Amino acid sequence: MKKITLNYYQDPGHGWAKAPISLLHYLNIAQGISPYSYIRGQYAYLEEDCDLSRLLAAAAAACIDIKLRDFHTNKQSKIRSYQSFSIQG
């Protein structure tokens, strides 16, 4: 089983996992990611409620074990200022 570690960022109100957009395409879920997630450069910041769950389920089906490395801030995360996710990105 392949193993991948992703950074998981949390502020007082929400959380996002930073994942390479190429991974979303590999797992064939990029078109299903909501605009509640964000994009910056070659990375998606997947919101914790639905999009992160979608990634974890697709990864498990592809025999990829994803571990999350936690980062927390007590301030509002700068991720909130990134562009909303879209496949055109």
Protein backbone atom coordinates (compact mmCIF):
# COMPACT_ATOMS: atom_id res chain seq x y z
CA MET A 1 0.00 0.00 0.00
CA LYS A 2 1.32 3.42 -0.98
CA LYS A 3 1.49 5.98 1.84
CA ILE A 4 1.10 9.75 1.52
CA THR A 5 1.27 12.41 4.24
CA LEU A 6 -0.70 15.61 3.73
CA ASN A 7 -0.67 18.77 5.82
CA TYR A 8 -3.96 19.49 7.57
CA TYR A 9 -4.44 23.14 8.53
CA GLN A 10 -7.03 24.27 11.08
CA ASP A 11 -8.16 27.64 12.34
CA PRO A 12 -10.83 28.20 15.01
CA GLY A 13 -13.64 27.67 12.50
CA HIS A 14 -12.56 25.16 9.89
CA GLY A 15 -9.89 22.86 8.49
CA TRP A 16 -8.33 22.04 5.11
CA ALA A 17 -5.98 19.37 3.83
CA LYS A 18 -3.36 20.51 1.31
CA ALA A 19 -3.24 18.05 -1.59
CA PRO A 20 -1.52 18.20 -4.97
CA ILE A 21 -4.05 18.81 -7.73
CA SER A 22 -2.33 16.01 -9.63
CA LEU A 23 -3.46 13.60 -6.88
CA LEU A 24 -7.08 14.70 -7.35
CA HIS A 25 -6.80 14.01 -11.07
CA TYR A 26 -5.09 10.66 -10.44
CA LEU A 27 -7.97 9.64 -8.16
CA ASN A 28 -10.50 11.00 -10.68
CA ILE A 29 -12.18 13.31 -8.14
CA ALA A 30 -11.03 16.77 -9.29
CA GLN A 31 -14.33 17.56 -11.00
CA GLY A 32 -16.26 16.67 -7.84
CA ILE A 33 -14.41 19.09 -5.53
CA SER A 34 -16.65 21.89 -4.27
CA PRO A 35 -15.99 25.64 -4.38
CA TYR A 36 -15.80 25.49 -0.55
CA SER A 37 -12.27 24.20 -1.06
CA TYR A 38 -9.50 26.47 -2.25
CA ILE A 39 -6.70 26.42 -4.80
CA ARG A 40 -3.27 28.02 -4.81
CA GLY A 41 -0.60 27.09 -7.31
CA GLN A 42 -0.50 23.35 -7.85
CA TYR A 43 -2.31 22.57 -4.60
CA ALA A 44 -5.90 22.24 -3.48
CA TYR A 45 -6.89 22.98 0.10
CA LEU A 46 -9.74 20.55 0.64
CA GLU A 47 -12.39 21.60 3.15
CA GLU A 48 -12.79 19.10 5.95
CA ASP A 49 -16.51 18.38 5.75
CA CYS A 50 -17.07 16.87 2.31
CA ASP A 51 -14.10 17.25 -0.01
CA LEU A 52 -11.51 15.78 2.36
CA SER A 53 -13.81 12.81 2.96
CA ARG A 54 -14.11 12.37 -0.81
CA LEU A 55 -10.31 12.32 -1.11
CA LEU A 56 -9.87 9.82 1.74
CA ALA A 57 -12.48 7.44 0.30
CA ALA A 58 -11.00 7.60 -3.21
CA ALA A 59 -7.49 7.08 -1.85
CA ALA A 60 -8.58 4.06 0.20
CA ALA A 61 -10.22 2.56 -2.89
CA ALA A 62 -6.93 3.05 -4.75
CA CYS A 63 -4.94 1.41 -1.90
CA ILE A 64 -3.33 4.69 -0.87
CA ASP A 65 -2.98 5.29 2.87
CA ILE A 66 -3.23 9.00 3.67
CA LYS A 67 -1.96 10.35 6.96
CA LEU A 68 -2.67 13.93 8.05
CA ARG A 69 -0.05 16.10 9.75
CA ASP A 70 -1.89 18.67 11.91
CA PHE A 71 -1.19 22.40 12.01
CA HIS A 72 -3.41 24.72 14.06
CA THR A 73 -3.67 28.47 14.46
CA ASN A 74 -5.84 30.50 16.81
CA LYS A 75 -6.15 33.21 14.14
CA GLN A 76 -8.09 33.11 10.89
CA SER A 77 -6.19 31.03 8.34
CA LYS A 78 -4.79 32.73 5.25
CA ILE A 79 -6.23 29.79 3.29
CA ARG A 80 -9.59 31.58 3.47
CA SER A 81 -8.16 34.28 1.16
CA TYR A 82 -7.16 31.80 -1.58
CA GLN A 83 -9.16 31.37 -4.77
CA SER A 84 -12.18 29.05 -4.54
CA PHE A 85 -11.50 25.70 -6.13
CA SER A 86 -12.52 25.14 -9.71
CA ILE A 87 -11.30 22.60 -12.22
CA GLN A 88 -10.04 25.49 -14.37
CA GLY A 89 -8.19 26.67 -11.25
